[in-house]
Amino acid sequence: MASTGSRDLDPSDWSEFRRLAHAALDEVISNVESIREKPVWQQPPAETRQRFARSLPVEARELGDVLDDVRAHVVPFAAGNLHPRFMGWAQGAGTPFGMVAEMVAAGLNMNCGGRDHIGIEVERQIVRWMSEAFGYPEGASGLFLTGSSMANFLAVIVAKTNVTGAESREAGLQRADRQLVAYTSSEAHSCVSQAMQLSGIGSAHLRKIDADTLGRMRVDALKDSIRADKAAGFLPFLIVGTAGTVNTGAIDLLSEIAQIAREENLWFHVDGAIGALSIFSRSLKPLTAGIEMSDSIALDFHKWGHVPYDAGFLLVKDGAAHKQAFASAAAYLQRADRGLAAGETWPCDLGPDLSRGFRAFKTWMTIETLGTARIGDAILHTCELAGYLAEKVRESAIFELKAPVALNIVCFGVKGASGAVNRDLVLDLQESGIAAPSWTTINGETVIRCAVFNHRTTRTDIDLFMDAISALAKRA
């Protein structure tokens, strides 16, 4: 199947290519269909690692031989997040429908940085859908990114430009007559600090507000911090609330924070990477009340939306404020009133990327195929499973809960044991292939953390997990 007789890069035998491609697709589908029968994770052996230490290939190889390598050295050693007992991190499991979308998108190979083609319209459709879902007005803008880390970074840039003016894009932070400061929870994801660093403002100017006993940012402490900064001559410009903290899934009091932001004239951004898509569930939607009052939201379709990686998203209420932070008047980005260069606002006007894949298509196809009601029901089910796991922990003579369960994340540990014991249990369980939890630090203690995101997970999986980790704990 190597193309050796032509200067183009297409296969020399389309019939043989079609046969091999169909077989590869069938094998990937079978892998997903039978994923429960496989280990959650297994370490790649030395032979496989050596396979990916070879020198740069110069000569062509037969596609069939390359696919043999994929079959032997790639598929068996994936990260494991397709498996129903993968509970280590906040990762979605994907769906077969999204897999088909990825194949179609790769075949079309569209650059969705701009210009007038259907890929841009599909992305705008998602922007309209998410505006509807979150109660944002017409005129809101949105952009697909690699994930919420990038979305949170862009939100900081938009908020910074909003307060310092578009001129600050050239003049820099000296456009601000005072030191900019921002606020978030002590439980916020580390990418918020990183966003402050990358923006040039610096993470030293991010105030990390204490959390209450439920893991939510304390609004009284937030008010006090803003008041103190103003008195000290600083310029508060941004509050980052969290809809689902990475450690425990806690949701900040978004309505109260929104009111503070409104009174103080601050940009209110919500990091919803973990929990924003809970709005798809009628039962869970009240948990994020107030999110509609935000100025921007970061979320990940590749988590609870189960869109194949990667599919992060930024939604901004004021489309003009979003555009002024990134739009460029470069000659090669000139617009026309007709032809391929038509269109007033392109995605490259809303972020730094000119070259962008067709991420919107797999999101569009997933939502079109499943509908938000079915996705929302799957989200609710994972929260119910987390409640079931929490109850199993409470009933256990070995383990105890280490934090309240707000959504779908359960943190627990061995009663009276050191954090090292909890960490070793996690590693032992991962290496067994039975399940893959993770660990985190709560109040200075290393604890076991289970993030139940997978739509394939059942109560039986929770029972198997608890049986396995209990048996390991008894031997420890």
Protein backbone atom coordinates (compact mmCIF):
# COMPACT_ATOMS: atom_id res chain seq x y z
CA MET A 1 0.00 0.00 0.00
CA ALA A 2 3.02 2.35 -0.01
CA SER A 3 2.72 4.88 -2.83
CA THR A 4 6.04 4.59 -4.68
CA GLY A 5 5.18 5.20 -8.33
CA SER A 6 3.72 8.69 -8.08
CA ARG A 7 4.76 12.09 -6.78
CA ASP A 8 1.49 12.49 -4.83
CA LEU A 9 0.90 10.88 -1.44
CA ASP A 10 -2.29 8.95 -2.19
CA PRO A 11 -2.33 5.13 -2.12
CA SER A 12 -1.34 3.35 -5.31
CA ASP A 13 -4.14 0.81 -4.91
CA TRP A 14 -7.37 2.40 -3.64
CA SER A 15 -9.17 -0.95 -3.39
CA GLU A 16 -6.51 -2.42 -1.13
CA PHE A 17 -6.41 0.78 0.91
CA ARG A 18 -10.18 0.63 1.34
CA ARG A 19 -9.96 -2.98 2.53
CA LEU A 20 -7.26 -2.19 5.10
CA ALA A 21 -8.98 1.00 6.28
CA HIS A 22 -12.30 -0.79 6.77
CA ALA A 23 -10.55 -3.56 8.69
CA ALA A 24 -8.83 -1.00 10.93
CA LEU A 25 -12.13 0.74 11.63
CA ASP A 26 -13.78 -2.58 12.45
CA GLU A 27 -10.98 -3.38 14.90
CA VAL A 28 -11.30 -0.01 16.65
CA ILE A 29 -15.06 -0.51 16.96
CA SER A 30 -14.52 -4.01 18.35
CA ASN A 31 -12.03 -2.63 20.85
CA VAL A 32 -14.61 -0.19 22.18
CA GLU A 33 -17.35 -2.80 22.16
CA SER A 34 -15.25 -5.25 24.21
CA ILE A 35 -13.45 -2.69 26.40
CA ARG A 36 -14.95 -4.08 29.63
CA GLU A 37 -13.19 -7.40 29.03
CA LYS A 38 -9.74 -5.80 28.92
CA PRO A 39 -7.44 -4.43 31.63
CA VAL A 40 -8.13 -0.81 32.45
CA TRP A 41 -4.45 -0.05 31.95
CA GLN A 42 -1.28 -2.00 31.38
CA GLN A 43 2.26 -0.76 31.24
CA PRO A 44 3.90 -0.89 27.79
CA PRO A 45 6.66 -3.53 27.79
CA ALA A 46 10.27 -2.76 26.90
CA GLU A 47 9.73 -4.09 23.38
CA THR A 48 6.94 -1.58 22.75
CA ARG A 49 8.88 1.34 24.20
CA GLN A 50 11.83 0.37 22.01
CA ARG A 51 9.53 0.32 18.98
CA PHE A 52 9.01 4.06 19.49
CA ALA A 53 12.70 4.80 19.91
CA ARG A 54 13.59 4.03 16.28
CA SER A 55 15.29 6.47 13.95
CA LEU A 56 13.37 8.69 11.54
CA PRO A 57 12.07 6.51 8.66
CA VAL A 58 13.17 7.47 5.16
CA GLU A 59 11.67 4.71 3.04
CA ALA A 60 7.96 3.92 2.68
CA ARG A 61 6.35 0.93 4.40
CA GLU A 62 3.27 -1.05 3.54
CA LEU A 63 0.15 0.25 5.31
CA GLY A 64 -0.68 -3.28 6.44
CA ASP A 65 2.67 -3.54 8.23
CA VAL A 66 2.16 -0.18 9.94
CA LEU A 67 -1.31 -1.27 11.08
CA ASP A 68 0.24 -4.43 12.50
CA ASP A 69 2.41 -2.18 14.66
CA VAL A 70 -0.65 -0.21 15.75
CA ARG A 71 -2.42 -3.43 16.65
CA ALA A 72 0.53 -4.77 18.65
CA HIS A 73 2.07 -1.66 20.18
CA VAL A 74 -0.58 1.08 20.42
CA VAL A 75 -4.10 -0.19 21.03
CA PRO A 76 -3.32 -2.47 24.02
CA PHE A 77 -1.47 0.28 25.91
CA ALA A 78 -3.87 3.20 25.71
CA ALA A 79 -4.52 5.47 28.70
CA GLY A 80 -7.59 3.49 29.78
CA ASN A 81 -10.24 6.21 29.94
CA LEU A 82 -12.59 4.23 27.66
CA HIS A 83 -12.89 1.60 30.40
CA PRO A 84 -15.80 1.78 32.89
CA ARG A 85 -13.45 1.38 35.87
CA PHE A 86 -11.18 4.26 34.89
CA MET A 87 -11.88 6.74 37.68
CA GLY A 88 -8.53 8.42 38.12
CA TRP A 89 -8.96 11.76 36.44
CA ALA A 90 -11.68 13.94 34.95
CA GLN A 91 -11.63 12.35 31.53
CA GLY A 92 -14.49 11.46 29.25
CA ALA A 93 -14.91 8.03 27.70
CA GLY A 94 -15.84 9.10 24.18
CA THR A 95 -18.56 7.49 22.10
CA PRO A 96 -18.59 5.51 18.85
CA PHE A 97 -20.50 8.41 17.28
CA GLY A 98 -17.70 10.83 18.04
CA MET A 99 -15.24 8.34 16.61
CA VAL A 100 -17.10 8.37 13.29
CA ALA A 101 -17.11 12.17 13.40
CA GLU A 102 -13.34 12.22 13.87
CA MET A 103 -12.92 10.01 10.82
CA VAL A 104 -15.13 12.26 8.68
CA ALA A 105 -13.42 15.42 9.95
CA ALA A 106 -9.99 13.98 9.20
CA GLY A 107 -11.13 13.08 5.70
CA LEU A 108 -12.35 16.63 5.06
CA ASN A 109 -9.19 18.07 6.65
CA MET A 110 -10.57 21.59 7.03
CA ASN A 111 -8.62 24.45 8.59
CA CYS A 112 -11.15 26.16 10.81
CA GLY A 113 -9.16 29.29 11.52
CA GLY A 114 -11.40 31.24 9.19
CA ARG A 115 -12.78 31.93 5.71
CA ASP A 116 -16.21 31.07 4.37
CA HIS A 117 -16.83 27.33 4.58
CA ILE A 118 -19.13 24.99 6.44
CA GLY A 119 -16.68 24.23 9.24
CA ILE A 120 -17.07 27.80 10.51
CA GLU A 121 -20.87 27.52 10.43
CA VAL A 122 -20.77 24.30 12.45
CA GLU A 123 -18.65 26.02 15.12
CA ARG A 124 -21.09 28.95 15.18
CA GLN A 125 -23.91 26.45 15.68
CA ILE A 126 -22.22 25.20 18.86
CA VAL A 127 -21.80 28.79 20.04
CA ARG A 128 -25.54 29.35 19.58
CA TRP A 129 -26.40 26.10 21.33
CA MET A 130 -24.19 26.85 24.32
CA SER A 131 -25.49 30.40 24.53
CA GLU A 132 -28.99 28.95 24.70
CA ALA A 133 -27.97 26.38 27.30
CA PHE A 134 -26.25 28.90 29.58
CA GLY A 135 -28.69 31.76 29.12
CA TYR A 136 -26.26 33.99 27.21
CA PRO A 137 -27.68 36.60 24.81
CA GLU A 138 -27.48 36.79 21.04
CA GLY A 139 -24.12 38.28 20.17
CA ALA A 140 -22.16 36.02 22.50
CA SER A 141 -19.08 34.44 20.98
CA GLY A 142 -17.29 31.16 21.45
CA LEU A 143 -14.21 29.27 20.41
CA PHE A 144 -13.00 25.67 20.42
CA LEU A 145 -9.62 25.12 22.07
CA THR A 146 -7.56 22.18 23.28
CA GLY A 147 -9.16 22.30 26.72
CA SER A 148 -10.24 24.46 29.62
CA SER A 149 -6.66 25.31 30.56
CA MET A 150 -6.42 27.24 27.30
CA ALA A 151 -9.97 28.54 27.66
CA ASN A 152 -9.19 29.92 31.12
CA PHE A 153 -6.03 31.52 29.76
CA LEU A 154 -7.93 33.24 26.96
CA ALA A 155 -10.57 34.40 29.44
CA VAL A 156 -7.87 36.14 31.49
CA ILE A 157 -6.60 37.84 28.31
CA VAL A 158 -10.11 39.00 27.40
CA ALA A 159 -10.72 40.33 30.93
CA LYS A 160 -7.33 42.07 30.98
CA THR A 161 -7.93 43.70 27.59
CA ASN A 162 -11.42 44.71 28.66
CA VAL A 163 -10.07 46.72 31.61
CA THR A 164 -6.88 48.10 30.00
CA GLY A 165 -8.27 48.73 26.50
CA ALA A 166 -7.32 47.35 23.10
CA GLU A 167 -4.25 49.64 23.08
CA SER A 168 -2.72 47.45 25.79
CA ARG A 169 -2.16 44.74 23.19
CA GLU A 170 0.73 46.87 21.91
CA ALA A 171 1.62 48.96 24.97
CA GLY A 172 1.43 46.07 27.44
CA LEU A 173 0.59 46.21 31.11
CA GLN A 174 1.90 49.74 31.43
CA ARG A 175 -1.49 50.79 30.05
CA ALA A 176 -2.89 50.00 33.50
CA ASP A 177 -2.29 52.82 35.95
CA ARG A 178 -2.33 50.37 38.87
CA GLN A 179 -1.34 46.78 39.50
CA LEU A 180 -4.05 44.39 38.24
CA VAL A 181 -5.26 41.75 40.69
CA ALA A 182 -7.64 38.81 40.27
CA TYR A 183 -9.46 36.46 42.61
CA THR A 184 -10.26 32.75 42.68
CA SER A 185 -10.78 29.94 45.16
CA SER A 186 -7.94 28.16 46.93
CA GLU A 187 -9.55 25.05 45.39
CA ALA A 188 -9.37 26.38 41.83
CA HIS A 189 -7.42 24.46 39.19
CA SER A 190 -3.74 25.36 38.88
CA CYS A 191 -4.29 26.49 35.28
CA VAL A 192 -5.86 29.69 36.64
CA SER A 193 -2.55 30.59 38.27
CA GLN A 194 -0.76 29.61 35.09
CA ALA A 195 -3.08 31.84 33.06
CA MET A 196 -2.10 34.79 35.21
CA GLN A 197 1.55 33.94 34.64
CA LEU A 198 1.18 33.59 30.88
CA SER A 199 -0.81 36.82 30.64
CA GLY A 200 2.13 38.73 32.08
CA ILE A 201 0.20 39.83 35.16
CA GLY A 202 1.80 37.19 37.36
CA SER A 203 0.33 34.61 39.71
CA ALA A 204 1.52 36.67 42.69
CA HIS A 205 -1.39 38.95 41.84
CA LEU A 206 -3.97 36.17 41.98
CA ARG A 207 -5.68 36.15 45.37
CA LYS A 208 -6.57 32.59 46.38
CA ILE A 209 -9.62 32.93 48.59
CA ASP A 210 -10.21 30.37 51.34
CA ALA A 211 -12.87 27.72 50.80
CA ASP A 212 -15.63 26.77 53.20
CA THR A 213 -16.20 23.28 54.63
CA LEU A 214 -17.96 22.26 51.39
CA GLY A 215 -15.01 23.33 49.22
CA ARG A 216 -16.66 26.53 47.90
CA MET A 217 -15.00 29.94 47.73
CA ARG A 218 -15.98 32.01 50.77
CA VAL A 219 -17.81 35.08 49.52
CA ASP A 220 -17.18 36.99 52.75
CA ALA A 221 -13.43 36.47 52.34
CA LEU A 222 -13.72 37.50 48.69
CA LYS A 223 -15.37 40.78 49.63
CA ASP A 224 -12.73 41.44 52.28
CA SER A 225 -9.90 40.78 49.84
CA ILE A 226 -11.32 43.10 47.18
CA ARG A 227 -11.84 45.82 49.77
CA ALA A 228 -8.28 45.47 51.06
CA ASP A 229 -6.78 45.55 47.57
CA LYS A 230 -8.66 48.68 46.64
CA ALA A 231 -7.50 50.38 49.83
CA ALA A 232 -3.92 49.37 49.00
CA GLY A 233 -4.14 50.98 45.55
CA PHE A 234 -4.51 47.83 43.43
CA LEU A 235 -6.91 47.45 40.49
CA PRO A 236 -9.20 44.40 40.85
CA PHE A 237 -10.36 43.26 37.39
CA LEU A 238 -11.37 39.58 37.47
CA ILE A 239 -13.05 36.93 39.60
CA VAL A 240 -12.76 33.28 38.53
CA GLY A 241 -15.47 31.09 40.01
CA THR A 242 -15.41 27.31 39.77
CA ALA A 243 -18.24 25.03 38.71
CA GLY A 244 -16.79 21.75 39.92
CA THR A 245 -13.43 21.88 41.67
CA VAL A 246 -10.84 19.40 40.48
CA ASN A 247 -10.32 17.84 43.92
CA THR A 248 -13.89 17.34 45.12
CA GLY A 249 -16.30 18.69 42.48
CA ALA A 250 -17.50 21.56 44.69
CA ILE A 251 -19.41 24.37 42.98
CA ASP A 252 -18.84 27.93 44.12
CA LEU A 253 -21.81 30.12 45.05
CA LEU A 254 -22.00 31.53 41.55
CA SER A 255 -25.01 33.80 42.06
CA GLU A 256 -23.43 35.52 45.06
CA ILE A 257 -20.07 35.88 43.32
CA ALA A 258 -21.81 37.30 40.24
CA GLN A 259 -23.48 39.93 42.41
CA ILE A 260 -20.13 40.93 43.92
CA ALA A 261 -18.59 41.16 40.44
CA ARG A 262 -21.45 43.35 39.28
CA GLU A 263 -21.17 45.67 42.29
CA GLU A 264 -17.40 45.98 41.91
CA ASN A 265 -17.47 46.15 38.09
CA LEU A 266 -15.23 43.08 37.71
CA TRP A 267 -15.18 40.50 34.93
CA PHE A 268 -16.75 37.26 36.22
CA HIS A 269 -15.39 34.12 34.59
CA VAL A 270 -16.42 30.56 35.46
CA ASP A 271 -14.08 27.59 35.11
CA GLY A 272 -16.63 24.90 34.30
CA ALA A 273 -14.24 22.23 33.06
CA ILE A 274 -15.55 19.69 35.57
CA GLY A 275 -19.19 20.61 36.12
CA ALA A 276 -20.54 23.15 33.62
CA LEU A 277 -22.18 20.52 31.40
CA SER A 278 -24.31 19.42 34.36
CA ILE A 279 -26.77 21.96 32.88
CA PHE A 280 -27.73 19.23 30.42
CA SER A 281 -29.37 17.39 33.33
CA ARG A 282 -32.67 18.87 34.50
CA SER A 283 -32.01 17.55 38.01
CA LEU A 284 -28.48 18.96 38.27
CA LYS A 285 -28.95 22.30 36.52
CA PRO A 286 -29.93 24.17 39.73
CA LEU A 287 -26.47 23.42 41.14
CA THR A 288 -24.90 25.95 38.75
CA ALA A 289 -27.50 28.69 39.31
CA GLY A 290 -25.88 32.03 38.59
CA ILE A 291 -23.64 30.77 35.80
CA GLU A 292 -25.86 32.70 33.38
CA MET A 293 -24.71 35.90 35.14
CA SER A 294 -21.06 35.26 34.27
CA ASP A 295 -19.13 37.12 31.56
CA SER A 296 -17.41 33.99 30.25
CA ILE A 297 -17.32 30.23 30.78
CA ALA A 298 -14.64 27.62 30.13
CA LEU A 299 -15.77 24.04 29.62
CA ASP A 300 -14.66 20.72 28.19
CA PHE A 301 -16.90 18.72 25.87
CA HIS A 302 -14.33 15.91 26.13
CA LYS A 303 -15.19 15.35 29.80
CA TRP A 304 -18.89 14.90 30.62
CA GLY A 305 -19.85 15.52 26.98
CA HIS A 306 -17.78 12.46 25.97
CA VAL A 307 -16.60 14.08 22.75
CA PRO A 308 -13.26 12.54 21.64
CA TYR A 309 -10.21 14.49 22.75
CA ASP A 310 -9.66 17.33 22.41
CA ALA A 311 -12.68 19.64 22.59
CA GLY A 312 -12.32 22.50 25.05
CA PHE A 313 -14.51 25.56 24.66
CA LEU A 314 -14.68 29.21 25.71
CA LEU A 315 -17.99 31.08 25.70
CA VAL A 316 -17.96 34.88 26.07
CA LYS A 317 -21.10 36.92 26.71
CA ASP A 318 -19.81 40.11 25.05
CA GLY A 319 -18.64 39.12 21.58
CA ALA A 320 -17.13 42.54 20.94
CA ALA A 321 -14.99 42.34 24.10
CA HIS A 322 -13.83 38.89 23.01
CA LYS A 323 -12.89 40.06 19.53
CA GLN A 324 -10.97 43.16 20.64
CA ALA A 325 -8.58 40.96 22.57
CA PHE A 326 -7.40 38.94 19.57
CA ALA A 327 -8.50 40.28 16.14
CA SER A 328 -5.65 41.21 13.80
CA ALA A 329 -5.59 43.40 10.69
CA ALA A 330 -2.89 41.35 8.94
CA ALA A 331 -2.87 41.62 5.14
CA TYR A 332 -3.26 37.88 4.63
CA LEU A 333 -6.41 37.92 6.79
CA GLN A 334 -8.28 40.55 4.76
CA ARG A 335 -12.01 39.96 4.30
CA ALA A 336 -14.19 40.23 1.20
CA ASP A 337 -17.91 40.57 0.64
CA ARG A 338 -17.93 37.37 -1.43
CA GLY A 339 -15.82 34.31 -2.21
CA LEU A 340 -13.80 32.22 0.22
CA ALA A 341 -12.60 35.30 2.13
CA ALA A 342 -16.14 36.38 3.07
CA GLY A 343 -17.25 36.79 6.66
CA GLU A 344 -16.81 39.51 9.25
CA THR A 345 -15.63 37.51 12.28
CA TRP A 346 -13.54 34.38 11.91
CA PRO A 347 -12.38 32.07 14.73
CA CYS A 348 -8.84 33.46 14.35
CA ASP A 349 -10.28 36.81 15.51
CA LEU A 350 -11.23 35.20 18.83
CA GLY A 351 -8.00 33.44 19.79
CA PRO A 352 -4.34 33.06 18.85
CA ASP A 353 -4.66 30.08 16.48
CA LEU A 354 -4.76 30.53 12.72
CA SER A 355 -4.47 26.80 12.04
CA ARG A 356 -7.27 24.94 13.79
CA GLY A 357 -8.79 21.50 13.29
CA PHE A 358 -12.49 20.79 12.88
CA ARG A 359 -13.11 20.19 16.62
CA ALA A 360 -16.64 21.51 16.36
CA PHE A 361 -17.77 18.66 14.11
CA LYS A 362 -17.32 15.85 16.63
CA THR A 363 -19.12 17.98 19.22
CA TRP A 364 -21.92 18.79 16.80
CA MET A 365 -22.30 15.16 15.74
CA THR A 366 -22.29 13.90 19.34
CA ILE A 367 -25.01 16.35 20.40
CA GLU A 368 -27.04 15.87 17.22
CA THR A 369 -26.93 12.09 17.58
CA LEU A 370 -27.48 11.75 21.33
CA GLY A 371 -29.33 14.93 22.27
CA THR A 372 -28.73 16.84 25.49
CA ALA A 373 -31.39 14.87 27.40
CA ARG A 374 -29.56 11.57 26.93
CA ILE A 375 -26.18 13.15 27.67
CA GLY A 376 -27.66 14.82 30.75
CA ASP A 377 -29.10 11.53 31.95
CA ALA A 378 -25.66 9.91 31.63
CA ILE A 379 -24.18 12.80 33.64
CA LEU A 380 -26.80 12.36 36.35
CA HIS A 381 -26.08 8.63 36.42
CA THR A 382 -22.39 9.21 37.18
CA CYS A 383 -23.37 11.46 40.09
CA GLU A 384 -25.70 8.76 41.38
CA LEU A 385 -22.87 6.24 41.10
CA ALA A 386 -20.60 8.57 43.07
CA GLY A 387 -23.28 8.66 45.76
CA TYR A 388 -23.39 4.87 45.70
CA LEU A 389 -19.60 4.69 46.04
CA ALA A 390 -19.70 7.16 48.93
CA GLU A 391 -22.28 4.99 50.68
CA LYS A 392 -20.08 1.91 50.19
CA VAL A 393 -17.21 3.83 51.79
CA ARG A 394 -19.39 4.85 54.75
CA GLU A 395 -20.40 1.22 55.26
CA SER A 396 -16.82 0.00 55.06
CA ALA A 397 -14.87 -0.95 58.17
CA ILE A 398 -11.65 -0.09 56.33
CA PHE A 399 -12.23 3.29 54.63
CA GLU A 400 -13.64 6.71 55.47
CA LEU A 401 -14.70 9.70 53.37
CA LYS A 402 -12.26 12.60 53.31
CA ALA A 403 -14.46 15.26 51.67
CA PRO A 404 -18.14 15.93 50.92
CA VAL A 405 -19.40 14.54 47.61
CA ALA A 406 -20.76 17.44 45.55
CA LEU A 407 -21.08 15.88 42.10
CA ASN A 408 -19.26 12.81 40.83
CA ILE A 409 -15.94 12.87 42.71
CA VAL A 410 -15.36 10.76 45.83
CA CYS A 411 -12.30 11.23 48.04
CA PHE A 412 -11.61 8.66 50.75
CA GLY A 413 -8.81 6.83 52.52
CA VAL A 414 -7.90 4.03 54.88
CA LYS A 415 -8.96 4.80 58.44
CA GLY A 416 -6.01 5.81 60.61
CA ALA A 417 -3.45 5.10 57.87
CA SER A 418 -0.79 7.38 56.43
CA GLY A 419 -1.15 9.05 53.06
CA ALA A 420 1.56 6.74 51.72
CA VAL A 421 -0.77 3.77 52.25
CA ASN A 422 -3.50 5.44 50.18
CA ARG A 423 -1.04 6.30 47.42
CA ASP A 424 0.31 2.74 47.27
CA LEU A 425 -3.22 1.34 47.07
CA VAL A 426 -3.89 3.52 44.05
CA LEU A 427 -0.70 2.42 42.31
CA ASP A 428 -1.28 -1.26 43.14
CA LEU A 429 -4.80 -1.07 41.76
CA GLN A 430 -3.67 0.66 38.58
CA GLU A 431 -1.00 -1.97 37.96
CA SER A 432 -3.50 -4.77 38.56
CA GLY A 433 -5.56 -3.58 35.58
CA ILE A 434 -8.78 -3.92 37.59
CA ALA A 435 -9.41 -0.20 38.09
CA ALA A 436 -7.63 3.13 37.86
CA PRO A 437 -8.36 5.66 40.59
CA SER A 438 -5.91 8.46 41.43
CA TRP A 439 -4.83 10.30 44.55
CA THR A 440 -4.88 13.93 45.60
CA THR A 441 -4.20 16.06 48.66
CA ILE A 442 -7.06 17.20 50.92
CA ASN A 443 -6.18 19.33 53.97
CA GLY A 444 -2.58 18.21 53.67
CA GLU A 445 -3.45 14.51 53.54
CA THR A 446 -2.93 12.17 50.59
CA VAL A 447 -6.28 10.54 49.79
CA ILE A 448 -7.76 8.22 47.18
CA ARG A 449 -9.76 10.10 44.53
CA CYS A 450 -12.36 8.57 42.25
CA ALA A 451 -13.82 10.75 39.50
CA VAL A 452 -16.80 8.86 38.05
CA PHE A 453 -17.17 10.33 34.56
CA ASN A 454 -17.53 7.25 32.37
CA HIS A 455 -21.00 6.68 30.89
CA ARG A 456 -20.21 2.94 30.76
CA THR A 457 -19.71 2.61 34.52
CA THR A 458 -22.33 0.64 36.47
CA ARG A 459 -22.95 -0.29 40.10
CA THR A 460 -21.29 -3.62 39.35
CA ASP A 461 -18.10 -1.74 38.45
CA ILE A 462 -18.27 0.17 41.72
CA ASP A 463 -18.71 -3.11 43.62
CA LEU A 464 -15.75 -4.70 41.80
CA PHE A 465 -13.64 -1.63 42.55
CA MET A 466 -14.50 -1.66 46.25
CA ASP A 467 -13.90 -5.40 46.53
CA ALA A 468 -10.49 -5.06 44.88
CA ILE A 469 -9.26 -2.07 46.87
CA SER A 470 -10.57 -3.56 50.12
CA ALA A 471 -8.66 -6.78 49.48
CA LEU A 472 -5.48 -4.81 48.76
CA ALA A 473 -5.96 -2.71 51.90
CA LYS A 474 -6.32 -5.80 54.07
CA ARG A 475 -2.99 -7.11 52.76
CA ALA A 476 -1.21 -3.76 53.19
